[in-house]
Amino acid sequence: MDWRWHTYEDLSKDELYDAMRLRQEVFVVEQECPYLDADGRDRGNHHLLGYDDLGIAVYARVLRPGALYPEVCISRVVSAPRVRRTGAGRLLMKECLVRVQETYGPVPIRISAQAYLQAFYESFGFGCTGKEYLEDGIPHKEMLRP
């Protein structure tokens, strides 16, 4: 996997396009969830893109402390359909946690996870805070990694 870690300002036009296309392909089209993906939180934050031989395969956005929660927040975690069940999502989360550590130090990380992915995130040390809610019609759980 070719990893690219950029602030919004350092993303190339092609990288930004790739990220937005993948996010919309999965979150809007595949999950049939019309919502405003361009939520104003891309600017000023970090973006992790993973490329394979066919193009962008995985992506995650890392929000600085205070951008959404008091803690660092990993959001928009997504894998292209072609790489699902290959371990690419695990590689993405491992790389994302390394990049957060390098950028922010040993800090707590909060996520808003789709409920069906709870066990996946628990395997990376995240625990449920007890808050389950609907976001854009999809059950989510707030999770924290101390």
N, C-alpha and C. Protein backbone atom coordinates (compact mmCIF):
# COMPACT_ATOMS: atom_id res chain seq x y z
N MET A 1 0.86 -1.18 0.00
CA MET A 1 0.00 0.00 0.00
C MET A 1 0.90 1.24 0.00
N ASP A 2 0.60 2.17 -0.86
CA ASP A 2 1.31 3.45 -0.92
C ASP A 2 0.53 4.42 -0.04
N TRP A 3 1.09 4.75 1.15
CA TRP A 3 0.40 5.62 2.10
C TRP A 3 0.74 7.08 1.84
N ARG A 4 -0.28 7.92 1.91
CA ARG A 4 -0.08 9.37 1.76
C ARG A 4 -0.80 10.05 2.92
N TRP A 5 -0.07 10.82 3.69
CA TRP A 5 -0.57 11.52 4.88
C TRP A 5 -0.39 13.01 4.64
N HIS A 6 -1.48 13.72 4.50
CA HIS A 6 -1.40 15.13 4.17
C HIS A 6 -2.37 15.95 5.01
N THR A 7 -2.02 17.21 5.20
CA THR A 7 -3.03 18.16 5.64
C THR A 7 -3.89 18.46 4.41
N TYR A 8 -5.05 19.02 4.64
CA TYR A 8 -5.94 19.37 3.53
C TYR A 8 -5.20 20.26 2.53
N GLU A 9 -4.47 21.21 3.07
CA GLU A 9 -3.79 22.18 2.22
C GLU A 9 -2.73 21.53 1.33
N ASP A 10 -2.19 20.39 1.75
CA ASP A 10 -1.15 19.72 0.97
C ASP A 10 -1.67 18.63 0.03
N LEU A 11 -2.96 18.34 0.09
CA LEU A 11 -3.53 17.35 -0.84
C LEU A 11 -3.46 17.89 -2.27
N SER A 12 -3.10 17.03 -3.19
CA SER A 12 -3.18 17.44 -4.59
C SER A 12 -4.66 17.44 -5.00
N LYS A 13 -4.95 18.06 -6.12
CA LYS A 13 -6.33 18.04 -6.62
C LYS A 13 -6.78 16.61 -6.88
N ASP A 14 -5.90 15.80 -7.44
CA ASP A 14 -6.24 14.40 -7.73
C ASP A 14 -6.49 13.61 -6.45
N GLU A 15 -5.67 13.82 -5.43
CA GLU A 15 -5.87 13.11 -4.16
C GLU A 15 -7.19 13.51 -3.51
N LEU A 16 -7.49 14.80 -3.53
CA LEU A 16 -8.76 15.26 -2.97
C LEU A 16 -9.93 14.66 -3.74
N TYR A 17 -9.83 14.66 -5.05
CA TYR A 17 -10.88 14.06 -5.88
C TYR A 17 -11.04 12.58 -5.55
N ASP A 18 -9.93 11.85 -5.46
CA ASP A 18 -9.98 10.42 -5.15
C ASP A 18 -10.67 10.18 -3.81
N ALA A 19 -10.30 10.95 -2.80
CA ALA A 19 -10.88 10.79 -1.47
C ALA A 19 -12.38 11.08 -1.48
N MET A 20 -12.77 12.17 -2.09
CA MET A 20 -14.19 12.54 -2.12
C MET A 20 -14.99 11.52 -2.94
N ARG A 21 -14.43 11.04 -4.02
CA ARG A 21 -15.12 10.06 -4.84
C ARG A 21 -15.35 8.76 -4.07
N LEU A 22 -14.31 8.27 -3.39
CA LEU A 22 -14.44 7.04 -2.61
C LEU A 22 -15.45 7.23 -1.48
N ARG A 23 -15.38 8.34 -0.78
CA ARG A 23 -16.32 8.59 0.31
C ARG A 23 -17.76 8.60 -0.21
N GLN A 24 -17.98 9.27 -1.33
CA GLN A 24 -19.34 9.34 -1.88
C GLN A 24 -19.79 8.00 -2.45
N GLU A 25 -18.87 7.27 -3.10
CA GLU A 25 -19.20 5.96 -3.66
C GLU A 25 -19.75 5.03 -2.58
N VAL A 26 -19.11 5.04 -1.41
CA VAL A 26 -19.50 4.12 -0.34
C VAL A 26 -20.60 4.71 0.54
N PHE A 27 -20.37 5.88 1.10
CA PHE A 27 -21.30 6.42 2.09
C PHE A 27 -22.60 6.94 1.51
N VAL A 28 -22.56 7.48 0.31
CA VAL A 28 -23.77 8.05 -0.28
C VAL A 28 -24.46 7.05 -1.21
N VAL A 29 -23.73 6.51 -2.17
CA VAL A 29 -24.33 5.64 -3.19
C VAL A 29 -24.56 4.23 -2.65
N GLU A 30 -23.49 3.55 -2.23
CA GLU A 30 -23.62 2.16 -1.78
C GLU A 30 -24.54 2.03 -0.57
N GLN A 31 -24.37 2.92 0.42
CA GLN A 31 -25.18 2.83 1.63
C GLN A 31 -26.52 3.56 1.49
N GLU A 32 -26.77 4.10 0.30
CA GLU A 32 -28.02 4.78 0.02
C GLU A 32 -28.38 5.78 1.10
N CYS A 33 -27.42 6.66 1.38
CA CYS A 33 -27.56 7.63 2.46
C CYS A 33 -27.22 9.02 1.95
N PRO A 34 -28.22 9.73 1.44
CA PRO A 34 -27.93 11.08 0.96
C PRO A 34 -27.62 12.01 2.14
N TYR A 35 -26.41 12.49 2.18
CA TYR A 35 -26.00 13.43 3.24
C TYR A 35 -24.91 14.31 2.66
N LEU A 36 -24.63 15.40 3.34
CA LEU A 36 -23.62 16.34 2.87
C LEU A 36 -22.24 15.87 3.34
N ASP A 37 -21.52 15.20 2.47
CA ASP A 37 -20.19 14.69 2.80
C ASP A 37 -19.20 15.83 3.03
N ALA A 38 -19.30 16.86 2.24
CA ALA A 38 -18.42 18.03 2.39
C ALA A 38 -18.94 18.85 3.57
N ASP A 39 -18.55 18.42 4.78
CA ASP A 39 -19.13 18.96 6.01
C ASP A 39 -18.37 20.13 6.60
N GLY A 40 -17.36 20.64 5.89
CA GLY A 40 -16.59 21.76 6.39
C GLY A 40 -15.45 21.36 7.32
N ARG A 41 -15.26 20.07 7.53
CA ARG A 41 -14.21 19.62 8.44
C ARG A 41 -12.98 19.06 7.73
N ASP A 42 -12.95 19.10 6.42
CA ASP A 42 -11.78 18.61 5.70
C ASP A 42 -10.61 19.58 5.84
N ARG A 43 -10.90 20.87 5.73
CA ARG A 43 -9.85 21.89 5.82
C ARG A 43 -9.24 21.90 7.22
N GLY A 44 -7.93 22.07 7.27
CA GLY A 44 -7.24 22.20 8.55
C GLY A 44 -7.02 20.88 9.28
N ASN A 45 -7.34 19.77 8.64
CA ASN A 45 -7.17 18.47 9.27
C ASN A 45 -6.35 17.56 8.38
N HIS A 46 -6.06 16.35 8.87
CA HIS A 46 -5.22 15.41 8.14
C HIS A 46 -6.04 14.37 7.39
N HIS A 47 -5.44 13.86 6.33
CA HIS A 47 -6.09 12.87 5.47
C HIS A 47 -5.07 11.77 5.18
N LEU A 48 -5.51 10.52 5.39
CA LEU A 48 -4.67 9.37 5.11
C LEU A 48 -5.27 8.62 3.93
N LEU A 49 -4.52 8.53 2.86
CA LEU A 49 -4.96 7.84 1.66
C LEU A 49 -4.05 6.66 1.41
N GLY A 50 -4.64 5.52 1.09
CA GLY A 50 -3.88 4.33 0.75
C GLY A 50 -4.18 3.92 -0.67
N TYR A 51 -3.13 3.82 -1.47
CA TYR A 51 -3.27 3.46 -2.89
C TYR A 51 -2.69 2.09 -3.15
N ASP A 52 -3.37 1.32 -4.00
CA ASP A 52 -2.81 0.08 -4.52
C ASP A 52 -2.62 0.26 -6.02
N ASP A 53 -2.38 -0.81 -6.74
CA ASP A 53 -2.11 -0.72 -8.19
C ASP A 53 -3.30 -0.19 -8.99
N LEU A 54 -4.51 -0.27 -8.42
CA LEU A 54 -5.71 0.17 -9.14
C LEU A 54 -6.20 1.56 -8.74
N GLY A 55 -5.51 2.19 -7.81
CA GLY A 55 -5.92 3.53 -7.38
C GLY A 55 -6.18 3.56 -5.89
N ILE A 56 -6.98 4.53 -5.48
CA ILE A 56 -7.25 4.66 -4.05
C ILE A 56 -8.01 3.43 -3.56
N ALA A 57 -7.53 2.86 -2.45
CA ALA A 57 -8.13 1.65 -1.90
C ALA A 57 -8.79 1.92 -0.55
N VAL A 58 -8.15 2.77 0.26
CA VAL A 58 -8.66 3.09 1.60
C VAL A 58 -8.39 4.54 1.92
N TYR A 59 -9.17 5.05 2.89
CA TYR A 59 -9.06 6.46 3.25
C TYR A 59 -9.56 6.66 4.67
N ALA A 60 -8.98 7.61 5.37
CA ALA A 60 -9.49 8.07 6.67
C ALA A 60 -9.13 9.53 6.85
N ARG A 61 -9.98 10.22 7.58
CA ARG A 61 -9.74 11.64 7.90
C ARG A 61 -9.48 11.72 9.39
N VAL A 62 -8.49 12.50 9.78
CA VAL A 62 -8.15 12.68 11.19
C VAL A 62 -8.36 14.15 11.56
N LEU A 63 -9.31 14.36 12.47
CA LEU A 63 -9.63 15.71 12.92
C LEU A 63 -8.81 16.06 14.15
N ARG A 64 -8.22 17.23 14.13
CA ARG A 64 -7.42 17.70 15.26
C ARG A 64 -8.31 17.88 16.50
N PRO A 65 -7.72 17.86 17.68
CA PRO A 65 -8.51 18.09 18.89
C PRO A 65 -9.29 19.40 18.79
N GLY A 66 -10.55 19.35 19.15
CA GLY A 66 -11.40 20.54 19.11
C GLY A 66 -12.15 20.74 17.82
N ALA A 67 -11.79 20.01 16.76
CA ALA A 67 -12.48 20.18 15.48
C ALA A 67 -13.90 19.60 15.53
N LEU A 68 -14.10 18.54 16.30
CA LEU A 68 -15.41 17.93 16.48
C LEU A 68 -15.62 17.55 17.94
N TYR A 69 -14.63 16.90 18.51
CA TYR A 69 -14.62 16.49 19.92
C TYR A 69 -13.40 17.14 20.57
N PRO A 70 -13.35 17.11 21.90
CA PRO A 70 -12.13 17.60 22.55
C PRO A 70 -10.90 16.77 22.17
N GLU A 71 -11.13 15.48 21.84
CA GLU A 71 -10.04 14.58 21.47
C GLU A 71 -9.82 14.60 19.96
N VAL A 72 -8.70 14.00 19.55
CA VAL A 72 -8.49 13.68 18.13
C VAL A 72 -9.64 12.78 17.71
N CYS A 73 -10.09 12.91 16.49
CA CYS A 73 -11.19 12.10 15.97
C CYS A 73 -10.80 11.51 14.62
N ILE A 74 -10.95 10.19 14.51
CA ILE A 74 -10.78 9.53 13.21
C ILE A 74 -12.16 9.39 12.60
N SER A 75 -12.31 9.87 11.38
CA SER A 75 -13.63 9.84 10.74
C SER A 75 -13.49 9.47 9.27
N ARG A 76 -14.63 9.25 8.63
CA ARG A 76 -14.70 8.93 7.20
C ARG A 76 -13.80 7.74 6.84
N VAL A 77 -13.73 6.75 7.72
CA VAL A 77 -12.94 5.55 7.47
C VAL A 77 -13.66 4.72 6.41
N VAL A 78 -12.97 4.45 5.31
CA VAL A 78 -13.65 3.79 4.20
C VAL A 78 -12.69 2.93 3.38
N SER A 79 -13.20 1.79 2.94
CA SER A 79 -12.45 0.89 2.05
C SER A 79 -13.21 0.76 0.74
N ALA A 80 -12.50 0.76 -0.35
CA ALA A 80 -13.13 0.52 -1.66
C ALA A 80 -13.70 -0.90 -1.67
N PRO A 81 -14.83 -1.10 -2.32
CA PRO A 81 -15.43 -2.45 -2.36
C PRO A 81 -14.46 -3.53 -2.80
N ARG A 82 -13.56 -3.23 -3.72
CA ARG A 82 -12.66 -4.26 -4.26
C ARG A 82 -11.64 -4.76 -3.24
N VAL A 83 -11.40 -4.02 -2.16
CA VAL A 83 -10.40 -4.45 -1.19
C VAL A 83 -11.00 -4.96 0.12
N ARG A 84 -12.31 -5.02 0.19
CA ARG A 84 -12.94 -5.50 1.41
C ARG A 84 -12.61 -6.98 1.61
N ARG A 85 -12.49 -7.36 2.86
CA ARG A 85 -12.17 -8.75 3.26
C ARG A 85 -10.77 -9.18 2.81
N THR A 86 -9.90 -8.20 2.59
CA THR A 86 -8.51 -8.50 2.24
C THR A 86 -7.55 -8.08 3.35
N GLY A 87 -8.07 -7.44 4.41
CA GLY A 87 -7.22 -6.91 5.47
C GLY A 87 -6.84 -5.46 5.25
N ALA A 88 -7.30 -4.86 4.16
CA ALA A 88 -6.95 -3.47 3.86
C ALA A 88 -7.48 -2.51 4.93
N GLY A 89 -8.67 -2.78 5.45
CA GLY A 89 -9.23 -1.93 6.50
C GLY A 89 -8.40 -1.98 7.78
N ARG A 90 -7.90 -3.16 8.11
CA ARG A 90 -7.02 -3.31 9.28
C ARG A 90 -5.71 -2.55 9.07
N LEU A 91 -5.16 -2.66 7.86
CA LEU A 91 -3.93 -1.91 7.55
C LEU A 91 -4.18 -0.42 7.67
N LEU A 92 -5.34 0.04 7.20
CA LEU A 92 -5.68 1.46 7.28
C LEU A 92 -5.72 1.92 8.73
N MET A 93 -6.40 1.18 9.60
CA MET A 93 -6.50 1.59 10.99
C MET A 93 -5.14 1.56 11.68
N LYS A 94 -4.34 0.54 11.41
CA LYS A 94 -3.00 0.47 12.01
C LYS A 94 -2.17 1.68 11.59
N GLU A 95 -2.20 1.98 10.30
CA GLU A 95 -1.43 3.13 9.79
C GLU A 95 -1.97 4.43 10.36
N CYS A 96 -3.27 4.53 10.47
CA CYS A 96 -3.90 5.74 11.01
C CYS A 96 -3.48 5.97 12.46
N LEU A 97 -3.46 4.92 13.26
CA LEU A 97 -3.06 5.05 14.66
C LEU A 97 -1.59 5.44 14.78
N VAL A 98 -0.75 4.92 13.88
CA VAL A 98 0.66 5.32 13.87
C VAL A 98 0.79 6.80 13.54
N ARG A 99 0.05 7.25 12.53
CA ARG A 99 0.14 8.66 12.12
C ARG A 99 -0.40 9.59 13.20
N VAL A 100 -1.46 9.20 13.88
CA VAL A 100 -1.98 10.02 14.99
C VAL A 100 -0.91 10.13 16.08
N GLN A 101 -0.28 9.02 16.43
CA GLN A 101 0.77 9.01 17.46
C GLN A 101 1.92 9.93 17.06
N GLU A 102 2.36 9.82 15.80
CA GLU A 102 3.47 10.65 15.33
C GLU A 102 3.11 12.13 15.32
N THR A 103 1.86 12.44 15.00
CA THR A 103 1.44 13.84 14.84
C THR A 103 1.02 14.48 16.16
N TYR A 104 0.29 13.74 16.98
CA TYR A 104 -0.29 14.31 18.20
C TYR A 104 0.27 13.74 19.50
N GLY A 105 1.04 12.66 19.42
CA GLY A 105 1.54 12.01 20.62
C GLY A 105 0.53 10.99 21.13
N PRO A 106 0.74 10.50 22.35
CA PRO A 106 -0.15 9.49 22.93
C PRO A 106 -1.42 10.14 23.47
N VAL A 107 -2.38 10.35 22.59
CA VAL A 107 -3.61 11.06 22.96
C VAL A 107 -4.83 10.15 22.83
N PRO A 108 -5.89 10.46 23.56
CA PRO A 108 -7.13 9.71 23.35
C PRO A 108 -7.72 10.03 21.98
N ILE A 109 -8.43 9.05 21.42
CA ILE A 109 -9.04 9.20 20.10
C ILE A 109 -10.50 8.81 20.19
N ARG A 110 -11.37 9.65 19.68
CA ARG A 110 -12.80 9.38 19.68
C ARG A 110 -13.27 9.14 18.25
N ILE A 111 -14.20 8.20 18.09
CA ILE A 111 -14.78 7.94 16.78
C ILE A 111 -16.29 7.81 16.90
N SER A 112 -16.95 8.00 15.79
CA SER A 112 -18.38 7.73 15.66
C SER A 112 -18.47 6.58 14.67
N ALA A 113 -18.62 5.36 15.20
CA ALA A 113 -18.55 4.16 14.37
C ALA A 113 -19.92 3.64 14.00
N GLN A 114 -20.06 3.17 12.77
CA GLN A 114 -21.28 2.46 12.43
C GLN A 114 -21.36 1.25 13.35
N ALA A 115 -22.54 1.03 13.94
CA ALA A 115 -22.71 0.05 15.01
C ALA A 115 -22.22 -1.35 14.62
N TYR A 116 -22.41 -1.74 13.37
CA TYR A 116 -22.02 -3.09 12.98
C TYR A 116 -20.51 -3.29 12.99
N LEU A 117 -19.74 -2.21 13.09
CA LEU A 117 -18.29 -2.29 13.11
C LEU A 117 -17.70 -2.22 14.52
N GLN A 118 -18.54 -2.33 15.53
CA GLN A 118 -18.08 -2.20 16.92
C GLN A 118 -16.91 -3.15 17.22
N ALA A 119 -17.04 -4.43 16.90
CA ALA A 119 -15.99 -5.40 17.21
C ALA A 119 -14.69 -5.07 16.48
N PHE A 120 -14.80 -4.59 15.25
CA PHE A 120 -13.61 -4.19 14.49
C PHE A 120 -12.84 -3.13 15.25
N TYR A 121 -13.53 -2.07 15.68
CA TYR A 121 -12.86 -0.98 16.39
C TYR A 121 -12.40 -1.41 17.79
N GLU A 122 -13.14 -2.28 18.43
CA GLU A 122 -12.70 -2.79 19.74
C GLU A 122 -11.37 -3.51 19.61
N SER A 123 -11.12 -4.15 18.48
CA SER A 123 -9.85 -4.86 18.28
C SER A 123 -8.66 -3.90 18.22
N PHE A 124 -8.93 -2.61 18.08
CA PHE A 124 -7.88 -1.59 18.08
C PHE A 124 -7.85 -0.80 19.39
N GLY A 125 -8.56 -1.28 20.40
CA GLY A 125 -8.53 -0.63 21.70
C GLY A 125 -9.60 0.40 21.95
N PHE A 126 -10.56 0.54 21.04
CA PHE A 126 -11.67 1.46 21.25
C PHE A 126 -12.73 0.78 22.11
N GLY A 127 -13.37 1.55 22.97
CA GLY A 127 -14.47 1.04 23.77
C GLY A 127 -15.67 1.94 23.62
N CYS A 128 -16.84 1.36 23.73
CA CYS A 128 -18.09 2.13 23.62
C CYS A 128 -18.24 3.07 24.81
N THR A 129 -18.72 4.25 24.53
CA THR A 129 -18.98 5.21 25.61
C THR A 129 -20.41 5.07 26.12
N GLY A 130 -21.18 4.21 25.49
CA GLY A 130 -22.57 4.01 25.89
C GLY A 130 -23.56 4.79 25.05
N LYS A 131 -23.05 5.65 24.20
CA LYS A 131 -23.94 6.45 23.36
C LYS A 131 -24.17 5.75 22.02
N GLU A 132 -25.40 5.33 21.78
CA GLU A 132 -25.78 4.80 20.47
C GLU A 132 -26.83 5.74 19.91
N TYR A 133 -26.75 6.02 18.65
CA TYR A 133 -27.63 7.02 18.04
C TYR A 133 -27.74 6.77 16.55
N LEU A 134 -28.72 7.40 15.96
CA LEU A 134 -28.87 7.35 14.51
C LEU A 134 -28.17 8.57 13.92
N GLU A 135 -27.34 8.31 12.93
CA GLU A 135 -26.72 9.41 12.18
C GLU A 135 -27.03 9.16 10.73
N ASP A 136 -27.77 10.05 10.12
CA ASP A 136 -28.18 9.90 8.73
C ASP A 136 -28.92 8.58 8.51
N GLY A 137 -29.69 8.16 9.53
CA GLY A 137 -30.50 6.96 9.43
C GLY A 137 -29.75 5.66 9.67
N ILE A 138 -28.47 5.74 10.04
CA ILE A 138 -27.63 4.55 10.26
C ILE A 138 -27.24 4.50 11.74
N PRO A 139 -27.44 3.35 12.42
CA PRO A 139 -27.05 3.24 13.83
C PRO A 139 -25.54 3.41 14.00
N HIS A 140 -25.15 4.28 14.92
CA HIS A 140 -23.75 4.56 15.24
C HIS A 140 -23.52 4.40 16.73
N LYS A 141 -22.26 4.19 17.08
CA LYS A 141 -21.85 4.15 18.47
C LYS A 141 -20.64 5.06 18.63
N GLU A 142 -20.69 5.86 19.68
CA GLU A 142 -19.52 6.68 20.00
C GLU A 142 -18.54 5.79 20.74
N MET A 143 -17.29 5.82 20.30
CA MET A 143 -16.26 4.97 20.89
C MET A 143 -15.02 5.81 21.21
N LEU A 144 -14.30 5.39 22.25
CA LEU A 144 -13.12 6.13 22.69
C LEU A 144 -11.96 5.16 22.89
N ARG A 145 -10.80 5.56 22.42
CA ARG A 145 -9.56 4.83 22.69
C ARG A 145 -8.73 5.72 23.60
N PRO A 146 -8.58 5.30 24.86
CA PRO A 146 -7.88 6.19 25.83
C PRO A 146 -6.41 6.39 25.47
